[in-house]
Amino acid sequence: MQFEELKELITIFEKSDMNELKVQFDNASIYLNRGSGQGVKEDTSNTEPSPLTVTTVSSEKYIKAPIVGTFYQSASPEKPPYVKKGDKIKKGDIVCIIEAMKFMNEVTSEEDGEILEVLVKDGEFVEFGAPLFKLK
């Protein structure tokens, strides 16, 4: 989620009559809350909204499928996978191949990190934007 999107979400929340809102994204959770978090109390004497609290719950990173197609971990069945759990990668490293319409498309990492988990099985069909690898 980018800063402008977060700002827009906060603005919408502030104008609403909701007391709390939790939004889950692929790479983060946002929790918005009016009040101290000590439980829900209704106080009709004060018509002003309580201060807004914003907490980012997590910031996991993922490598996502740039296209629709079939996921392959290696260049051929005889070759080892490009990456596996625990591997350290750099921006631009090839992490897998996605076959689309008989074309083999190399997928590269957009940032440095460590592979925490391979989320797709070899030969599995993936949709555009589907998480392929979880990064640290």
N, C-alpha and C. Protein backbone atom coordinates (compact mmCIF):
# COMPACT_ATOMS: atom_id res chain seq x y z
N MET A 1 0.85 -1.17 0.00
CA MET A 1 0.00 0.00 0.00
C MET A 1 0.89 1.22 0.00
N GLN A 2 0.57 2.18 -0.83
CA GLN A 2 1.37 3.39 -0.93
C GLN A 2 0.80 4.46 -0.01
N PHE A 3 1.62 5.48 0.24
CA PHE A 3 1.26 6.53 1.18
C PHE A 3 -0.04 7.24 0.81
N GLU A 4 -0.22 7.56 -0.46
CA GLU A 4 -1.43 8.26 -0.90
C GLU A 4 -2.68 7.42 -0.66
N GLU A 5 -2.58 6.11 -0.90
CA GLU A 5 -3.71 5.21 -0.65
C GLU A 5 -4.03 5.15 0.84
N LEU A 6 -2.99 5.11 1.66
CA LEU A 6 -3.18 5.09 3.11
C LEU A 6 -3.85 6.39 3.58
N LYS A 7 -3.40 7.51 3.04
CA LYS A 7 -3.99 8.81 3.38
C LYS A 7 -5.47 8.85 3.02
N GLU A 8 -5.81 8.32 1.85
CA GLU A 8 -7.21 8.29 1.40
C GLU A 8 -8.05 7.40 2.31
N LEU A 9 -7.50 6.26 2.70
CA LEU A 9 -8.21 5.35 3.61
C LEU A 9 -8.48 6.02 4.95
N ILE A 10 -7.50 6.73 5.48
CA ILE A 10 -7.67 7.43 6.76
C ILE A 10 -8.73 8.52 6.62
N THR A 11 -8.72 9.27 5.53
CA THR A 11 -9.70 10.33 5.30
C THR A 11 -11.12 9.75 5.27
N ILE A 12 -11.30 8.66 4.56
CA ILE A 12 -12.61 8.01 4.48
C ILE A 12 -13.05 7.55 5.87
N PHE A 13 -12.11 6.95 6.62
CA PHE A 13 -12.42 6.47 7.97
C PHE A 13 -12.82 7.63 8.89
N GLU A 14 -12.08 8.73 8.82
CA GLU A 14 -12.36 9.89 9.67
C GLU A 14 -13.75 10.47 9.40
N LYS A 15 -14.19 10.43 8.14
CA LYS A 15 -15.50 10.99 7.78
C LYS A 15 -16.65 10.02 8.07
N SER A 16 -16.31 8.77 8.34
CA SER A 16 -17.35 7.77 8.60
C SER A 16 -17.72 7.77 10.08
N ASP A 17 -18.74 6.97 10.42
CA ASP A 17 -19.13 6.84 11.82
C ASP A 17 -18.62 5.52 12.42
N MET A 18 -17.68 4.86 11.73
CA MET A 18 -17.10 3.62 12.24
C MET A 18 -16.17 3.92 13.41
N ASN A 19 -16.12 2.99 14.37
CA ASN A 19 -15.20 3.14 15.50
C ASN A 19 -13.86 2.47 15.24
N GLU A 20 -13.87 1.40 14.44
CA GLU A 20 -12.63 0.76 14.09
C GLU A 20 -12.75 0.09 12.73
N LEU A 21 -11.60 -0.11 12.09
CA LEU A 21 -11.54 -0.72 10.77
C LEU A 21 -10.21 -1.44 10.64
N LYS A 22 -10.26 -2.69 10.20
CA LYS A 22 -9.04 -3.44 9.92
C LYS A 22 -9.10 -3.88 8.47
N VAL A 23 -8.04 -3.58 7.72
CA VAL A 23 -7.96 -3.92 6.30
C VAL A 23 -6.73 -4.79 6.11
N GLN A 24 -6.90 -5.95 5.47
CA GLN A 24 -5.81 -6.89 5.21
C GLN A 24 -5.41 -6.80 3.75
N PHE A 25 -4.13 -6.57 3.48
CA PHE A 25 -3.58 -6.55 2.14
C PHE A 25 -2.63 -7.73 2.01
N ASP A 26 -2.09 -7.94 0.80
CA ASP A 26 -1.12 -9.02 0.62
C ASP A 26 0.12 -8.79 1.47
N ASN A 27 0.53 -7.56 1.61
CA ASN A 27 1.79 -7.29 2.28
C ASN A 27 1.68 -6.51 3.58
N ALA A 28 0.47 -6.19 4.02
CA ALA A 28 0.33 -5.44 5.27
C ALA A 28 -1.10 -5.50 5.77
N SER A 29 -1.23 -5.24 7.06
CA SER A 29 -2.55 -5.08 7.67
C SER A 29 -2.61 -3.68 8.26
N ILE A 30 -3.71 -3.00 8.07
CA ILE A 30 -3.89 -1.67 8.62
C ILE A 30 -5.05 -1.73 9.61
N TYR A 31 -4.83 -1.21 10.81
CA TYR A 31 -5.87 -1.17 11.82
C TYR A 31 -6.10 0.28 12.22
N LEU A 32 -7.32 0.78 12.01
CA LEU A 32 -7.70 2.14 12.37
C LEU A 32 -8.69 2.06 13.53
N ASN A 33 -8.50 2.92 14.54
CA ASN A 33 -9.29 2.82 15.76
C ASN A 33 -9.51 4.22 16.33
N ARG A 34 -10.74 4.49 16.74
CA ARG A 34 -11.04 5.74 17.45
C ARG A 34 -11.09 5.41 18.93
N GLY A 35 -10.15 5.90 19.68
CA GLY A 35 -10.18 5.63 21.11
C GLY A 35 -8.90 5.01 21.60
N SER A 36 -8.93 4.61 22.87
CA SER A 36 -7.72 4.14 23.54
C SER A 36 -7.50 2.66 23.41
N GLY A 37 -8.48 1.91 22.89
CA GLY A 37 -8.33 0.47 22.78
C GLY A 37 -8.64 -0.25 24.08
N GLN A 38 -9.24 0.42 25.05
CA GLN A 38 -9.55 -0.17 26.34
C GLN A 38 -10.94 -0.79 26.36
N GLY A 39 -11.49 -1.09 25.21
CA GLY A 39 -12.84 -1.62 25.13
C GLY A 39 -13.74 -0.60 24.49
N VAL A 40 -14.94 -1.02 24.15
CA VAL A 40 -15.87 -0.12 23.48
C VAL A 40 -16.80 0.47 24.51
N LYS A 41 -16.80 1.79 24.60
CA LYS A 41 -17.72 2.50 25.49
C LYS A 41 -18.47 3.51 24.66
N GLU A 42 -19.74 3.66 24.96
CA GLU A 42 -20.53 4.65 24.25
C GLU A 42 -20.65 5.87 25.15
N ASP A 43 -20.21 7.01 24.66
CA ASP A 43 -20.26 8.24 25.43
C ASP A 43 -21.00 9.26 24.58
N THR A 44 -22.24 9.55 24.94
CA THR A 44 -23.04 10.47 24.14
C THR A 44 -22.83 11.93 24.55
N SER A 45 -22.06 12.18 25.60
CA SER A 45 -21.84 13.57 26.04
C SER A 45 -20.85 14.30 25.15
N ASN A 46 -20.00 13.59 24.46
CA ASN A 46 -18.99 14.21 23.61
C ASN A 46 -19.30 13.89 22.16
N THR A 47 -19.56 14.91 21.35
CA THR A 47 -19.89 14.67 19.95
C THR A 47 -18.66 14.70 19.05
N GLU A 48 -17.50 15.08 19.59
CA GLU A 48 -16.27 15.10 18.80
C GLU A 48 -15.70 13.68 18.70
N PRO A 49 -15.21 13.28 17.52
CA PRO A 49 -14.63 11.96 17.40
C PRO A 49 -13.34 11.85 18.21
N SER A 50 -13.05 10.67 18.69
CA SER A 50 -11.81 10.41 19.42
C SER A 50 -10.63 10.50 18.47
N PRO A 51 -9.41 10.67 19.00
CA PRO A 51 -8.24 10.68 18.13
C PRO A 51 -8.11 9.35 17.39
N LEU A 52 -7.51 9.41 16.24
CA LEU A 52 -7.36 8.24 15.37
C LEU A 52 -6.02 7.58 15.63
N THR A 53 -6.02 6.27 15.77
CA THR A 53 -4.80 5.50 15.95
C THR A 53 -4.58 4.66 14.71
N VAL A 54 -3.38 4.70 14.14
CA VAL A 54 -3.04 3.89 12.98
C VAL A 54 -1.88 2.98 13.36
N THR A 55 -2.05 1.68 13.15
CA THR A 55 -1.00 0.72 13.46
C THR A 55 -0.78 -0.17 12.25
N THR A 56 0.46 -0.29 11.82
CA THR A 56 0.77 -1.26 10.76
C THR A 56 1.11 -2.57 11.45
N VAL A 57 0.33 -3.60 11.14
CA VAL A 57 0.47 -4.87 11.82
C VAL A 57 1.62 -5.70 11.25
N SER A 58 1.75 -5.74 9.94
CA SER A 58 2.83 -6.55 9.34
C SER A 58 3.27 -5.92 8.04
N SER A 59 4.45 -6.28 7.61
CA SER A 59 4.96 -5.76 6.34
C SER A 59 5.70 -6.85 5.60
N GLU A 60 5.03 -7.94 5.34
CA GLU A 60 5.63 -9.03 4.60
C GLU A 60 5.78 -8.62 3.14
N LYS A 61 6.84 -9.12 2.51
CA LYS A 61 7.10 -8.82 1.11
C LYS A 61 6.90 -10.08 0.29
N TYR A 62 6.43 -9.90 -0.92
CA TYR A 62 6.18 -11.02 -1.81
C TYR A 62 6.72 -10.72 -3.20
N ILE A 63 7.11 -11.77 -3.90
CA ILE A 63 7.34 -11.68 -5.34
C ILE A 63 6.07 -12.22 -5.96
N LYS A 64 5.45 -11.42 -6.81
CA LYS A 64 4.15 -11.79 -7.38
C LYS A 64 4.27 -12.07 -8.88
N ALA A 65 3.33 -12.84 -9.37
CA ALA A 65 3.31 -13.20 -10.79
C ALA A 65 3.02 -11.97 -11.65
N PRO A 66 3.92 -11.65 -12.59
CA PRO A 66 3.69 -10.50 -13.45
C PRO A 66 2.72 -10.79 -14.60
N ILE A 67 2.45 -12.09 -14.84
CA ILE A 67 1.56 -12.50 -15.92
C ILE A 67 0.82 -13.78 -15.50
N VAL A 68 -0.18 -14.13 -16.27
CA VAL A 68 -0.91 -15.39 -16.08
C VAL A 68 -0.14 -16.49 -16.81
N GLY A 69 -0.03 -17.66 -16.18
CA GLY A 69 0.64 -18.77 -16.86
C GLY A 69 0.98 -19.90 -15.92
N THR A 70 1.87 -20.78 -16.38
CA THR A 70 2.30 -21.93 -15.60
C THR A 70 3.64 -21.64 -14.95
N PHE A 71 3.72 -21.86 -13.63
CA PHE A 71 4.89 -21.58 -12.81
C PHE A 71 5.88 -22.74 -12.89
N TYR A 72 7.14 -22.41 -13.17
CA TYR A 72 8.21 -23.40 -13.14
C TYR A 72 9.35 -22.87 -12.29
N GLN A 73 9.87 -23.72 -11.39
CA GLN A 73 10.96 -23.31 -10.50
C GLN A 73 12.33 -23.39 -11.16
N SER A 74 12.44 -24.10 -12.29
CA SER A 74 13.74 -24.24 -12.94
C SER A 74 13.57 -24.14 -14.45
N ALA A 75 14.71 -24.02 -15.14
CA ALA A 75 14.69 -23.88 -16.60
C ALA A 75 14.26 -25.16 -17.29
N SER A 76 14.50 -26.31 -16.65
CA SER A 76 14.07 -27.60 -17.18
C SER A 76 13.94 -28.58 -16.01
N PRO A 77 13.24 -29.69 -16.21
CA PRO A 77 13.06 -30.65 -15.11
C PRO A 77 14.38 -31.21 -14.56
N GLU A 78 15.43 -31.25 -15.37
CA GLU A 78 16.72 -31.79 -14.94
C GLU A 78 17.55 -30.78 -14.14
N LYS A 79 17.22 -29.52 -14.24
CA LYS A 79 18.02 -28.47 -13.58
C LYS A 79 17.48 -28.16 -12.19
N PRO A 80 18.34 -27.66 -11.30
CA PRO A 80 17.87 -27.30 -9.95
C PRO A 80 17.00 -26.04 -10.00
N PRO A 81 16.19 -25.82 -8.97
CA PRO A 81 15.36 -24.62 -8.93
C PRO A 81 16.23 -23.35 -8.90
N TYR A 82 15.69 -22.28 -9.47
CA TYR A 82 16.41 -21.00 -9.41
C TYR A 82 16.65 -20.58 -7.97
N VAL A 83 15.61 -20.69 -7.13
CA VAL A 83 15.72 -20.34 -5.71
C VAL A 83 14.94 -21.35 -4.87
N LYS A 84 15.31 -21.43 -3.61
CA LYS A 84 14.58 -22.28 -2.67
C LYS A 84 14.55 -21.58 -1.32
N LYS A 85 13.77 -22.12 -0.41
CA LYS A 85 13.63 -21.54 0.93
C LYS A 85 15.02 -21.35 1.56
N GLY A 86 15.24 -20.14 2.09
CA GLY A 86 16.51 -19.83 2.74
C GLY A 86 17.51 -19.14 1.85
N ASP A 87 17.30 -19.14 0.53
CA ASP A 87 18.24 -18.49 -0.39
C ASP A 87 18.17 -16.97 -0.24
N LYS A 88 19.33 -16.34 -0.30
CA LYS A 88 19.40 -14.88 -0.33
C LYS A 88 19.41 -14.47 -1.80
N ILE A 89 18.59 -13.46 -2.13
CA ILE A 89 18.50 -13.00 -3.52
C ILE A 89 18.77 -11.51 -3.59
N LYS A 90 19.16 -11.08 -4.76
CA LYS A 90 19.40 -9.66 -5.02
C LYS A 90 18.43 -9.19 -6.09
N LYS A 91 18.20 -7.89 -6.11
CA LYS A 91 17.34 -7.29 -7.14
C LYS A 91 17.86 -7.69 -8.51
N GLY A 92 16.95 -8.21 -9.36
CA GLY A 92 17.32 -8.61 -10.71
C GLY A 92 17.61 -10.09 -10.86
N ASP A 93 17.74 -10.83 -9.74
CA ASP A 93 17.97 -12.28 -9.82
C ASP A 93 16.73 -12.97 -10.40
N ILE A 94 16.96 -13.97 -11.25
CA ILE A 94 15.85 -14.78 -11.77
C ILE A 94 15.40 -15.72 -10.66
N VAL A 95 14.09 -15.75 -10.39
CA VAL A 95 13.56 -16.59 -9.31
C VAL A 95 12.71 -17.73 -9.83
N CYS A 96 12.16 -17.60 -11.05
CA CYS A 96 11.34 -18.66 -11.63
C CYS A 96 11.03 -18.31 -13.08
N ILE A 97 10.27 -19.19 -13.72
CA ILE A 97 9.80 -18.96 -15.09
C ILE A 97 8.28 -19.12 -15.08
N ILE A 98 7.60 -18.28 -15.83
CA ILE A 98 6.16 -18.46 -16.05
C ILE A 98 5.96 -18.63 -17.55
N GLU A 99 5.38 -19.79 -17.90
CA GLU A 99 5.10 -20.08 -19.31
C GLU A 99 3.72 -19.54 -19.65
N ALA A 100 3.67 -18.72 -20.68
CA ALA A 100 2.41 -18.15 -21.16
C ALA A 100 2.40 -18.23 -22.67
N MET A 101 1.43 -18.92 -23.24
CA MET A 101 1.28 -19.05 -24.69
C MET A 101 2.56 -19.56 -25.34
N LYS A 102 3.15 -20.59 -24.74
CA LYS A 102 4.36 -21.26 -25.23
C LYS A 102 5.63 -20.41 -25.13
N PHE A 103 5.55 -19.24 -24.47
CA PHE A 103 6.73 -18.41 -24.24
C PHE A 103 7.15 -18.57 -22.80
N MET A 104 8.45 -18.75 -22.59
CA MET A 104 9.02 -18.87 -21.24
C MET A 104 9.46 -17.48 -20.78
N ASN A 105 8.81 -16.95 -19.76
CA ASN A 105 9.08 -15.61 -19.25
C ASN A 105 9.81 -15.71 -17.91
N GLU A 106 11.04 -15.17 -17.86
CA GLU A 106 11.79 -15.17 -16.62
C GLU A 106 11.20 -14.14 -15.68
N VAL A 107 11.03 -14.52 -14.42
CA VAL A 107 10.54 -13.61 -13.39
C VAL A 107 11.74 -13.25 -12.52
N THR A 108 11.99 -11.95 -12.36
CA THR A 108 13.13 -11.49 -11.57
C THR A 108 12.64 -10.80 -10.30
N SER A 109 13.51 -10.79 -9.30
CA SER A 109 13.20 -10.12 -8.03
C SER A 109 13.32 -8.61 -8.21
N GLU A 110 12.41 -7.90 -7.60
CA GLU A 110 12.44 -6.44 -7.67
C GLU A 110 13.19 -5.83 -6.48
N GLU A 111 13.64 -6.70 -5.54
CA GLU A 111 14.39 -6.19 -4.40
C GLU A 111 15.25 -7.30 -3.80
N ASP A 112 16.18 -6.89 -2.94
CA ASP A 112 17.01 -7.85 -2.22
C ASP A 112 16.17 -8.48 -1.12
N GLY A 113 16.54 -9.70 -0.71
CA GLY A 113 15.83 -10.34 0.38
C GLY A 113 16.25 -11.78 0.55
N GLU A 114 15.48 -12.48 1.37
CA GLU A 114 15.69 -13.90 1.61
C GLU A 114 14.37 -14.62 1.37
N ILE A 115 14.42 -15.75 0.67
CA ILE A 115 13.21 -16.53 0.40
C ILE A 115 12.77 -17.21 1.69
N LEU A 116 11.61 -16.82 2.21
CA LEU A 116 11.05 -17.45 3.41
C LEU A 116 10.20 -18.65 3.05
N GLU A 117 9.54 -18.56 1.89
CA GLU A 117 8.63 -19.63 1.51
C GLU A 117 8.35 -19.58 0.01
N VAL A 118 8.30 -20.75 -0.61
CA VAL A 118 7.85 -20.87 -2.00
C VAL A 118 6.36 -21.18 -1.90
N LEU A 119 5.51 -20.31 -2.44
CA LEU A 119 4.07 -20.41 -2.24
C LEU A 119 3.34 -21.18 -3.33
N VAL A 120 4.05 -21.55 -4.41
CA VAL A 120 3.42 -22.21 -5.55
C VAL A 120 4.19 -23.49 -5.86
N LYS A 121 3.47 -24.51 -6.29
CA LYS A 121 4.10 -25.78 -6.67
C LYS A 121 4.53 -25.72 -8.13
N ASP A 122 5.60 -26.42 -8.43
CA ASP A 122 6.11 -26.49 -9.80
C ASP A 122 5.02 -27.04 -10.73
N GLY A 123 4.80 -26.34 -11.85
CA GLY A 123 3.79 -26.77 -12.82
C GLY A 123 2.39 -26.25 -12.54
N GLU A 124 2.24 -25.47 -11.47
CA GLU A 124 0.92 -24.95 -11.09
C GLU A 124 0.59 -23.70 -11.90
N PHE A 125 -0.68 -23.55 -12.25
CA PHE A 125 -1.16 -22.37 -12.97
C PHE A 125 -1.28 -21.21 -11.98
N VAL A 126 -0.81 -20.02 -12.38
CA VAL A 126 -0.90 -18.83 -11.52
C VAL A 126 -1.62 -17.70 -12.24
N GLU A 127 -2.33 -16.92 -11.48
CA GLU A 127 -3.01 -15.73 -11.98
C GLU A 127 -2.08 -14.52 -11.88
N PHE A 128 -2.40 -13.47 -12.62
CA PHE A 128 -1.66 -12.22 -12.52
C PHE A 128 -1.75 -11.71 -11.07
N GLY A 129 -0.61 -11.34 -10.50
CA GLY A 129 -0.57 -10.78 -9.15
C GLY A 129 -0.56 -11.82 -8.03
N ALA A 130 -0.60 -13.10 -8.37
CA ALA A 130 -0.59 -14.14 -7.34
C ALA A 130 0.78 -14.16 -6.67
N PRO A 131 0.82 -14.24 -5.33
CA PRO A 131 2.11 -14.32 -4.65
C PRO A 131 2.81 -15.64 -4.97
N LEU A 132 4.08 -15.56 -5.36
CA LEU A 132 4.88 -16.74 -5.70
C LEU A 132 5.85 -17.11 -4.59
N PHE A 133 6.49 -16.08 -4.03
CA PHE A 133 7.48 -16.27 -2.98
C PHE A 133 7.25 -15.25 -1.87
N LYS A 134 7.45 -15.68 -0.64
CA LYS A 134 7.39 -14.79 0.52
C LYS A 134 8.84 -14.43 0.86
N LEU A 135 9.11 -13.14 1.04
CA LEU A 135 10.46 -12.64 1.30
C LEU A 135 10.59 -12.06 2.69
N LYS A 136 11.82 -12.04 3.14
CA LYS A 136 12.18 -11.35 4.40
C LYS A 136 13.11 -10.24 4.06
